[in-house]
N, C-alpha and C. Protein backbone atom coordinates (compact mmCIF):
# COMPACT_ATOMS: atom_id res chain seq x y z
N MET A 1 59.52 77.34 123.49
CA MET A 1 60.67 77.88 122.82
C MET A 1 60.51 79.39 122.59
N LYS A 2 59.28 79.78 122.21
CA LYS A 2 58.99 81.17 121.98
C LYS A 2 59.17 81.98 123.26
N LYS A 3 58.82 81.37 124.39
CA LYS A 3 58.93 82.02 125.68
C LYS A 3 60.41 82.26 126.03
N ILE A 4 61.28 81.34 125.69
CA ILE A 4 62.72 81.48 125.97
C ILE A 4 63.31 82.62 125.15
N TYR A 5 62.92 82.70 123.88
CA TYR A 5 63.41 83.81 123.03
C TYR A 5 62.93 85.16 123.54
N SER A 6 61.71 85.21 124.01
CA SER A 6 61.16 86.47 124.55
C SER A 6 61.91 86.89 125.81
N ILE A 7 62.18 85.93 126.68
CA ILE A 7 62.92 86.25 127.92
C ILE A 7 64.35 86.65 127.57
N LEU A 8 64.99 85.97 126.65
CA LEU A 8 66.36 86.29 126.23
C LEU A 8 66.41 87.68 125.59
N ALA A 9 65.45 88.01 124.75
CA ALA A 9 65.39 89.33 124.11
C ALA A 9 65.18 90.42 125.16
N ALA A 10 64.34 90.16 126.17
CA ALA A 10 64.10 91.14 127.23
C ALA A 10 65.36 91.37 128.05
N LEU A 11 66.12 90.30 128.33
CA LEU A 11 67.37 90.44 129.08
C LEU A 11 68.41 91.24 128.28
N VAL A 12 68.54 90.99 127.01
CA VAL A 12 69.48 91.73 126.16
C VAL A 12 69.09 93.20 126.10
N LEU A 13 67.79 93.46 125.96
CA LEU A 13 67.29 94.83 125.91
C LEU A 13 67.56 95.56 127.23
N CYS A 14 67.34 94.89 128.35
CA CYS A 14 67.62 95.50 129.67
C CYS A 14 69.10 95.77 129.82
N GLY A 15 69.94 94.88 129.35
CA GLY A 15 71.39 95.08 129.42
C GLY A 15 71.82 96.29 128.61
N ILE A 16 71.25 96.47 127.43
CA ILE A 16 71.58 97.62 126.59
C ILE A 16 71.13 98.92 127.26
N VAL A 17 69.93 98.94 127.80
CA VAL A 17 69.40 100.14 128.46
C VAL A 17 70.26 100.52 129.66
N PHE A 18 70.58 99.55 130.52
CA PHE A 18 71.38 99.86 131.71
C PHE A 18 72.82 100.26 131.35
N ASN A 19 73.36 99.70 130.29
CA ASN A 19 74.70 100.06 129.85
C ASN A 19 74.72 101.48 129.31
N ALA A 20 73.66 101.92 128.66
CA ALA A 20 73.58 103.27 128.10
C ALA A 20 73.47 104.33 129.20
N CYS A 21 73.02 103.93 130.39
CA CYS A 21 72.83 104.88 131.49
C CYS A 21 74.10 105.07 132.33
N LYS A 22 75.21 104.49 131.91
CA LYS A 22 76.45 104.58 132.68
C LYS A 22 76.94 106.03 132.72
N LYS A 23 77.41 106.46 133.89
CA LYS A 23 77.92 107.82 134.04
C LYS A 23 79.23 107.97 133.28
N ASP A 24 79.52 109.21 132.89
CA ASP A 24 80.76 109.52 132.18
C ASP A 24 81.92 109.44 133.17
N VAL A 25 82.77 108.45 132.99
CA VAL A 25 83.89 108.27 133.90
C VAL A 25 85.10 109.08 133.47
N ASN A 26 85.04 109.72 132.31
CA ASN A 26 86.15 110.51 131.82
C ASN A 26 85.66 111.90 131.42
N PRO A 27 85.39 112.77 132.41
CA PRO A 27 84.92 114.10 132.05
C PRO A 27 86.04 114.88 131.34
N SER A 28 85.65 115.91 130.63
CA SER A 28 86.66 116.67 129.90
C SER A 28 87.65 117.29 130.87
N LEU A 29 88.87 117.17 130.53
CA LEU A 29 89.94 117.71 131.36
C LEU A 29 90.59 118.85 130.61
N GLY A 30 91.21 119.75 131.33
CA GLY A 30 91.89 120.84 130.68
C GLY A 30 92.31 121.89 131.69
N LYS A 31 92.88 122.97 131.18
CA LYS A 31 93.35 124.05 132.03
C LYS A 31 92.62 125.34 131.65
N ASP A 32 92.46 126.20 132.64
CA ASP A 32 91.87 127.51 132.35
C ASP A 32 92.82 128.32 131.48
N ASN A 33 92.26 129.23 130.71
CA ASN A 33 93.07 130.11 129.87
C ASN A 33 93.89 131.03 130.76
N PRO A 34 95.20 131.08 130.59
CA PRO A 34 96.03 131.93 131.45
C PRO A 34 95.97 133.42 131.08
N VAL A 35 95.31 133.76 129.97
CA VAL A 35 95.25 135.15 129.52
C VAL A 35 93.81 135.64 129.60
N ALA A 36 93.61 136.74 130.33
CA ALA A 36 92.28 137.34 130.46
C ALA A 36 92.19 138.55 129.53
N ALA A 37 91.04 138.75 128.95
CA ALA A 37 90.81 139.93 128.12
C ALA A 37 90.84 141.18 129.00
N ILE A 38 91.21 142.31 128.43
CA ILE A 38 91.30 143.55 129.20
C ILE A 38 89.96 143.90 129.84
N PHE A 39 88.85 143.73 129.12
CA PHE A 39 87.56 144.08 129.71
C PHE A 39 87.23 143.20 130.91
N VAL A 40 87.73 141.97 130.94
CA VAL A 40 87.53 141.09 132.09
C VAL A 40 88.33 141.61 133.28
N VAL A 41 89.56 142.03 133.03
CA VAL A 41 90.41 142.58 134.10
C VAL A 41 89.76 143.84 134.67
N LYS A 42 89.26 144.71 133.80
CA LYS A 42 88.65 145.96 134.26
C LYS A 42 87.38 145.73 135.08
N LYS A 43 86.67 144.64 134.81
CA LYS A 43 85.45 144.34 135.56
C LYS A 43 85.72 143.97 137.01
N LEU A 44 86.96 143.68 137.35
CA LEU A 44 87.30 143.38 138.75
C LEU A 44 87.11 144.61 139.64
N TYR A 45 87.27 145.79 139.06
CA TYR A 45 87.18 147.02 139.84
C TYR A 45 85.71 147.31 140.17
N LYS A 46 85.42 147.44 141.46
CA LYS A 46 84.04 147.68 141.92
C LYS A 46 83.95 148.92 142.80
N GLY A 47 84.81 149.92 142.58
CA GLY A 47 84.74 151.15 143.35
C GLY A 47 85.86 151.33 144.35
N THR A 48 86.56 150.26 144.69
CA THR A 48 87.72 150.36 145.58
C THR A 48 88.89 149.62 144.95
N ASP A 49 90.10 149.99 145.37
CA ASP A 49 91.30 149.34 144.84
C ASP A 49 91.21 147.83 145.03
N VAL A 50 91.68 147.10 144.04
CA VAL A 50 91.62 145.64 144.11
C VAL A 50 92.97 145.06 143.66
N LYS A 51 93.50 144.15 144.47
CA LYS A 51 94.73 143.45 144.11
C LYS A 51 94.37 142.30 143.19
N ILE A 52 95.08 142.19 142.09
CA ILE A 52 94.76 141.18 141.08
C ILE A 52 95.43 139.86 141.43
N THR A 53 94.63 138.82 141.46
CA THR A 53 95.12 137.46 141.69
C THR A 53 94.56 136.55 140.61
N SER A 54 95.20 135.42 140.42
CA SER A 54 94.70 134.48 139.41
C SER A 54 93.36 133.89 139.85
N GLU A 55 93.12 133.81 141.17
CA GLU A 55 91.83 133.31 141.65
C GLU A 55 90.70 134.25 141.25
N ALA A 56 90.95 135.56 141.33
CA ALA A 56 89.93 136.54 140.96
C ALA A 56 89.62 136.48 139.47
N LEU A 57 90.59 136.04 138.67
CA LEU A 57 90.42 135.96 137.22
C LEU A 57 90.20 134.52 136.76
N THR A 58 89.69 133.67 137.64
CA THR A 58 89.42 132.25 137.37
C THR A 58 90.58 131.56 136.65
N GLY A 59 91.77 131.71 137.21
CA GLY A 59 92.93 131.01 136.70
C GLY A 59 93.82 131.82 135.79
N ALA A 60 93.35 132.93 135.30
CA ALA A 60 94.18 133.76 134.41
C ALA A 60 95.13 134.61 135.24
N SER A 61 96.30 134.86 134.70
CA SER A 61 97.27 135.69 135.39
C SER A 61 97.92 136.71 134.47
N LYS A 62 97.47 136.77 133.22
CA LYS A 62 98.06 137.67 132.24
C LYS A 62 96.97 138.34 131.41
N THR A 63 97.34 139.43 130.80
CA THR A 63 96.50 140.08 129.80
C THR A 63 97.44 140.63 128.73
N GLY A 64 96.88 141.05 127.63
CA GLY A 64 97.74 141.54 126.57
C GLY A 64 97.01 142.49 125.64
N GLY A 65 97.79 143.13 124.81
CA GLY A 65 97.21 144.06 123.85
C GLY A 65 98.28 144.75 123.03
N ILE A 66 97.85 145.75 122.29
CA ILE A 66 98.73 146.55 121.44
C ILE A 66 98.98 147.88 122.13
N VAL A 67 100.24 148.30 122.18
CA VAL A 67 100.60 149.58 122.79
C VAL A 67 100.08 150.70 121.88
N ILE A 68 99.34 151.66 122.47
CA ILE A 68 98.84 152.80 121.69
C ILE A 68 99.37 154.13 122.22
N SER A 69 100.09 154.11 123.33
CA SER A 69 100.65 155.36 123.88
C SER A 69 102.02 155.61 123.27
N ASN A 70 102.37 156.90 123.15
CA ASN A 70 103.64 157.29 122.53
C ASN A 70 104.41 158.20 123.47
N GLN A 71 105.50 157.69 124.02
CA GLN A 71 106.31 158.46 124.96
C GLN A 71 107.26 159.43 124.26
N SER A 72 107.54 159.23 122.98
CA SER A 72 108.55 160.04 122.29
C SER A 72 108.14 161.50 122.14
N GLY A 73 106.87 161.81 122.10
CA GLY A 73 106.42 163.19 121.94
C GLY A 73 106.39 163.98 123.23
N LYS A 74 106.69 163.32 124.35
CA LYS A 74 106.71 163.96 125.67
C LYS A 74 105.36 164.59 126.02
N ASN A 75 104.29 164.12 125.40
CA ASN A 75 102.96 164.65 125.71
C ASN A 75 102.12 163.63 126.46
N PHE A 76 102.81 162.70 127.08
CA PHE A 76 102.15 161.64 127.83
C PHE A 76 102.92 161.47 129.13
N PRO A 77 102.25 161.22 130.25
CA PRO A 77 102.97 161.10 131.52
C PRO A 77 104.07 160.03 131.47
N GLN A 78 105.24 160.38 131.97
CA GLN A 78 106.36 159.45 131.98
C GLN A 78 106.03 158.25 132.86
N GLY A 79 106.46 157.08 132.41
CA GLY A 79 106.24 155.87 133.18
C GLY A 79 104.87 155.24 133.01
N THR A 80 104.11 155.71 132.03
CA THR A 80 102.79 155.13 131.80
C THR A 80 102.72 154.52 130.39
N LEU A 81 101.90 153.53 130.28
CA LEU A 81 101.75 152.78 129.05
C LEU A 81 100.27 152.47 128.88
N ILE A 82 99.75 152.63 127.67
CA ILE A 82 98.36 152.24 127.42
C ILE A 82 98.36 151.15 126.37
N ILE A 83 97.61 150.08 126.69
CA ILE A 83 97.41 149.00 125.72
C ILE A 83 95.91 148.88 125.45
N GLN A 84 95.59 148.40 124.26
CA GLN A 84 94.19 148.13 123.93
C GLN A 84 94.12 146.81 123.19
N SER A 85 92.97 146.16 123.30
CA SER A 85 92.76 144.92 122.56
C SER A 85 91.30 144.80 122.18
N LEU A 86 91.07 144.00 121.19
CA LEU A 86 89.73 143.70 120.72
C LEU A 86 89.49 142.23 120.97
N ASP A 87 88.70 141.92 121.99
CA ASP A 87 88.39 140.53 122.35
C ASP A 87 86.90 140.34 122.37
N ARG A 88 86.42 139.28 121.70
CA ARG A 88 85.00 138.94 121.66
C ARG A 88 84.15 140.13 121.22
N GLY A 89 84.67 140.90 120.29
CA GLY A 89 83.94 142.04 119.75
C GLY A 89 83.93 143.27 120.64
N GLN A 90 84.67 143.25 121.75
CA GLN A 90 84.71 144.39 122.66
C GLN A 90 86.10 145.00 122.66
N MET A 91 86.16 146.30 122.34
CA MET A 91 87.42 147.03 122.38
C MET A 91 87.58 147.57 123.79
N ALA A 92 88.74 147.33 124.40
CA ALA A 92 89.01 147.83 125.74
C ALA A 92 90.46 148.23 125.83
N GLY A 93 90.73 149.21 126.70
CA GLY A 93 92.09 149.68 126.90
C GLY A 93 92.41 149.75 128.38
N LEU A 94 93.69 149.74 128.69
CA LEU A 94 94.13 149.76 130.08
C LEU A 94 95.38 150.60 130.20
N LEU A 95 95.38 151.51 131.16
CA LEU A 95 96.54 152.34 131.44
C LEU A 95 97.38 151.62 132.50
N VAL A 96 98.64 151.40 132.20
CA VAL A 96 99.56 150.72 133.12
C VAL A 96 100.55 151.76 133.63
N ASP A 97 100.55 151.98 134.95
CA ASP A 97 101.46 152.94 135.58
C ASP A 97 102.68 152.20 136.07
N LEU A 98 103.83 152.48 135.45
CA LEU A 98 105.08 151.83 135.82
C LEU A 98 105.93 152.70 136.75
N GLY A 99 105.34 153.74 137.30
CA GLY A 99 106.09 154.64 138.19
C GLY A 99 107.03 155.51 137.40
N ALA A 100 108.24 155.67 137.90
CA ALA A 100 109.22 156.53 137.24
C ALA A 100 110.05 155.77 136.21
N ALA A 101 109.75 154.51 135.99
CA ALA A 101 110.54 153.68 135.07
C ALA A 101 110.42 154.16 133.63
N GLU A 102 111.47 153.92 132.88
CA GLU A 102 111.49 154.20 131.45
C GLU A 102 110.61 153.16 130.75
N VAL A 103 109.77 153.59 129.84
CA VAL A 103 108.88 152.68 129.11
C VAL A 103 109.57 152.30 127.79
N PRO A 104 109.98 151.03 127.66
CA PRO A 104 110.73 150.62 126.47
C PRO A 104 109.86 150.20 125.29
N PHE A 105 108.58 150.54 125.30
CA PHE A 105 107.67 150.09 124.26
C PHE A 105 107.21 151.26 123.41
N VAL A 106 106.93 150.98 122.14
CA VAL A 106 106.49 152.01 121.20
C VAL A 106 105.12 151.61 120.65
N PRO A 107 104.39 152.58 120.09
CA PRO A 107 103.10 152.24 119.51
C PRO A 107 103.22 151.12 118.47
N GLY A 108 102.29 150.17 118.56
CA GLY A 108 102.29 149.03 117.65
C GLY A 108 102.95 147.79 118.21
N ASP A 109 103.58 147.90 119.38
CA ASP A 109 104.16 146.71 120.01
C ASP A 109 103.04 145.87 120.62
N SER A 110 103.10 144.57 120.41
CA SER A 110 102.16 143.64 121.03
C SER A 110 102.82 143.14 122.30
N VAL A 111 102.13 143.28 123.43
CA VAL A 111 102.72 142.92 124.72
C VAL A 111 101.79 142.01 125.52
N VAL A 112 102.39 141.25 126.43
CA VAL A 112 101.67 140.44 127.40
C VAL A 112 102.13 140.90 128.78
N ILE A 113 101.17 141.15 129.67
CA ILE A 113 101.47 141.66 131.00
C ILE A 113 101.14 140.60 132.04
N ASP A 114 102.11 140.31 132.91
CA ASP A 114 101.89 139.43 134.05
C ASP A 114 101.21 140.26 135.14
N LEU A 115 99.97 139.95 135.45
CA LEU A 115 99.14 140.77 136.34
C LEU A 115 99.33 140.46 137.82
N GLU A 116 99.94 139.33 138.17
CA GLU A 116 100.05 138.93 139.58
C GLU A 116 100.68 140.04 140.41
N GLY A 117 99.96 140.46 141.45
CA GLY A 117 100.46 141.49 142.35
C GLY A 117 100.09 142.90 141.94
N GLY A 118 99.54 143.07 140.75
CA GLY A 118 99.12 144.40 140.30
C GLY A 118 97.88 144.86 141.04
N ILE A 119 97.66 146.16 141.05
CA ILE A 119 96.51 146.73 141.75
C ILE A 119 95.72 147.60 140.77
N LEU A 120 94.42 147.33 140.64
CA LEU A 120 93.54 148.19 139.85
C LEU A 120 93.09 149.32 140.75
N SER A 121 93.28 150.54 140.28
CA SER A 121 92.99 151.70 141.11
C SER A 121 92.48 152.83 140.23
N LYS A 122 91.64 153.68 140.79
CA LYS A 122 91.19 154.87 140.07
C LYS A 122 91.97 156.07 140.55
N THR A 123 92.55 156.80 139.61
CA THR A 123 93.22 158.06 139.90
C THR A 123 92.45 159.12 139.14
N GLY A 124 91.74 159.98 139.86
CA GLY A 124 90.82 160.90 139.21
C GLY A 124 89.69 160.09 138.63
N GLU A 125 89.50 160.20 137.33
CA GLU A 125 88.47 159.41 136.65
C GLU A 125 89.07 158.28 135.82
N SER A 126 90.37 158.06 135.96
CA SER A 126 91.06 157.08 135.13
C SER A 126 91.35 155.79 135.89
N LEU A 127 90.90 154.66 135.36
CA LEU A 127 91.20 153.35 135.93
C LEU A 127 92.60 152.95 135.48
N GLN A 128 93.46 152.61 136.44
CA GLN A 128 94.86 152.31 136.14
C GLN A 128 95.29 151.02 136.80
N LEU A 129 96.26 150.39 136.19
CA LEU A 129 96.91 149.21 136.74
C LEU A 129 98.24 149.68 137.32
N LYS A 130 98.41 149.49 138.64
CA LYS A 130 99.62 149.96 139.32
C LYS A 130 100.32 148.79 139.99
N GLY A 131 101.52 149.07 140.50
CA GLY A 131 102.26 148.07 141.26
C GLY A 131 103.05 147.10 140.42
N LEU A 132 103.22 147.36 139.15
CA LEU A 132 104.00 146.49 138.27
C LEU A 132 105.21 147.24 137.75
N SER A 133 106.17 146.49 137.23
CA SER A 133 107.35 147.09 136.62
C SER A 133 107.44 146.65 135.16
N ALA A 134 108.40 147.21 134.44
CA ALA A 134 108.58 146.83 133.04
C ALA A 134 108.96 145.35 132.92
N ALA A 135 109.50 144.77 133.99
CA ALA A 135 109.85 143.34 133.97
C ALA A 135 108.62 142.45 133.89
N ASN A 136 107.44 142.98 134.27
CA ASN A 136 106.19 142.23 134.18
C ASN A 136 105.61 142.22 132.78
N ILE A 137 106.22 142.96 131.86
CA ILE A 137 105.68 143.12 130.51
C ILE A 137 106.63 142.48 129.50
N GLN A 138 106.09 141.62 128.67
CA GLN A 138 106.88 140.94 127.64
C GLN A 138 106.40 141.37 126.26
N LYS A 139 107.35 141.83 125.45
CA LYS A 139 107.04 142.21 124.07
C LYS A 139 107.01 140.96 123.21
N ILE A 140 105.94 140.81 122.44
CA ILE A 140 105.78 139.64 121.59
C ILE A 140 106.08 139.96 120.13
N ALA A 141 105.62 141.14 119.67
CA ALA A 141 105.81 141.51 118.27
C ALA A 141 105.82 143.03 118.14
N SER A 142 106.27 143.50 117.01
CA SER A 142 106.31 144.95 116.72
C SER A 142 105.53 145.22 115.45
N GLY A 143 105.15 146.48 115.27
CA GLY A 143 104.51 146.91 114.03
C GLY A 143 103.09 146.44 113.83
N LYS A 144 102.40 146.11 114.89
CA LYS A 144 101.01 145.68 114.77
C LYS A 144 100.11 146.89 114.52
N PRO A 145 99.03 146.72 113.76
CA PRO A 145 98.14 147.86 113.49
C PRO A 145 97.36 148.26 114.74
N MET A 146 97.20 149.56 114.91
CA MET A 146 96.41 150.10 116.02
C MET A 146 95.05 150.48 115.48
N LEU A 147 94.00 149.91 116.03
CA LEU A 147 92.65 150.17 115.56
C LEU A 147 92.07 151.39 116.27
N ALA A 148 91.51 152.30 115.49
CA ALA A 148 90.85 153.48 116.05
C ALA A 148 89.36 153.38 115.78
N ARG A 149 88.57 153.65 116.81
CA ARG A 149 87.11 153.65 116.65
C ARG A 149 86.65 155.07 116.40
N SER A 150 85.70 155.22 115.49
CA SER A 150 85.08 156.52 115.25
C SER A 150 83.98 156.73 116.28
N VAL A 151 83.99 157.90 116.92
CA VAL A 151 83.00 158.19 117.94
C VAL A 151 82.66 159.68 117.90
N SER A 152 81.40 159.99 118.09
CA SER A 152 80.98 161.39 118.12
C SER A 152 81.23 161.95 119.52
N MET A 153 81.32 163.26 119.61
CA MET A 153 81.53 163.91 120.91
C MET A 153 80.37 163.61 121.85
N GLY A 154 79.17 163.55 121.31
CA GLY A 154 78.00 163.24 122.13
C GLY A 154 78.08 161.86 122.74
N ALA A 155 78.46 160.86 121.92
CA ALA A 155 78.59 159.49 122.43
C ALA A 155 79.74 159.38 123.42
N LEU A 156 80.82 160.11 123.16
CA LEU A 156 81.97 160.07 124.07
C LEU A 156 81.62 160.65 125.43
N SER A 157 80.93 161.77 125.44
CA SER A 157 80.58 162.38 126.73
C SER A 157 79.48 161.59 127.45
N LYS A 158 78.65 160.90 126.69
CA LYS A 158 77.56 160.12 127.29
C LYS A 158 78.08 158.87 128.00
N ASP A 159 79.06 158.19 127.41
CA ASP A 159 79.58 156.94 127.99
C ASP A 159 81.10 156.90 127.86
N PHE A 160 81.77 157.77 128.61
CA PHE A 160 83.23 157.89 128.53
C PHE A 160 83.92 156.58 128.90
N ALA A 161 83.42 155.86 129.89
CA ALA A 161 84.06 154.62 130.36
C ALA A 161 84.19 153.59 129.24
N LEU A 162 83.27 153.60 128.30
CA LEU A 162 83.32 152.66 127.19
C LEU A 162 84.53 152.91 126.28
N TYR A 163 84.96 154.17 126.20
CA TYR A 163 86.05 154.55 125.30
C TYR A 163 87.36 154.85 126.04
N GLU A 164 87.35 154.76 127.36
CA GLU A 164 88.52 155.10 128.16
C GLU A 164 89.72 154.25 127.77
N ASN A 165 90.86 154.91 127.56
CA ASN A 165 92.14 154.27 127.24
C ASN A 165 92.11 153.47 125.94
N THR A 166 91.29 153.90 124.99
CA THR A 166 91.32 153.29 123.66
C THR A 166 91.58 154.39 122.64
N LEU A 167 92.04 153.99 121.48
CA LEU A 167 92.33 154.93 120.41
C LEU A 167 91.04 155.25 119.68
N ILE A 168 90.69 156.53 119.64
CA ILE A 168 89.44 156.93 119.00
C ILE A 168 89.70 158.01 117.96
N LYS A 169 88.73 158.14 117.04
CA LYS A 169 88.74 159.19 116.04
C LYS A 169 87.43 159.96 116.23
N ILE A 170 87.54 161.24 116.56
CA ILE A 170 86.37 162.06 116.85
C ILE A 170 85.68 162.44 115.54
N THR A 171 84.36 162.24 115.50
CA THR A 171 83.56 162.67 114.36
C THR A 171 82.60 163.76 114.81
N ALA A 172 82.08 164.49 113.88
CA ALA A 172 81.19 165.60 114.20
C ALA A 172 79.78 165.09 114.48
N ASP A 173 79.15 165.74 115.45
CA ASP A 173 77.73 165.49 115.67
C ASP A 173 77.09 166.82 116.04
N THR A 174 76.49 167.41 115.06
CA THR A 174 75.89 168.73 115.28
C THR A 174 74.42 168.59 115.58
N LYS A 175 74.06 168.99 116.77
CA LYS A 175 72.65 168.96 117.21
C LYS A 175 72.37 170.27 117.88
N PRO A 176 71.43 171.02 117.51
CA PRO A 176 70.57 170.83 116.33
C PRO A 176 71.34 171.13 115.04
N LEU A 177 70.82 170.63 113.96
CA LEU A 177 71.45 170.85 112.67
C LEU A 177 71.41 172.33 112.31
N PRO A 178 72.47 172.84 111.70
CA PRO A 178 72.48 174.27 111.32
C PRO A 178 71.42 174.57 110.26
N ALA A 179 70.91 175.78 110.32
CA ALA A 179 69.88 176.19 109.34
C ALA A 179 70.53 176.36 107.98
N ALA A 180 69.85 175.93 106.95
CA ALA A 180 70.40 175.98 105.60
C ALA A 180 70.12 177.28 104.94
């Protein structure tokens, strides 16, 4: 009788062990995020013009941010728009060239840009998004706060790409310190 209980217990134990080793038949399902952070979009540029596709952005086809450029003062090139966003602790900005089109956005507008068909290109030292129109940009909200980072002239000249197309506040950095 003891032998039967031992064999029965061993069979139950083997059944439990083999059942626990079953593969997951229902892996997590879902969709990729359709919105890419600006710094992710900018990383696509590797020295030559690049056409933006959702495949290049692992399923994303849009980006967004807060408008920081002001066309009303006429001190900014017509048909250009700059947005910036803070994603995952990284502040990044992007200049969007809309050609000769009127820019209907004002500082503080929150916008989403459909990137499909856009081209990342360098003009001079400025990385720009070209090949889009104002129809590719959707305004979501108005009056959003624009964040400005404090940066010294030394840090700005040392790593300009880090601050390109973002709102900054210049602070003093005097080296060497003046004699007292």
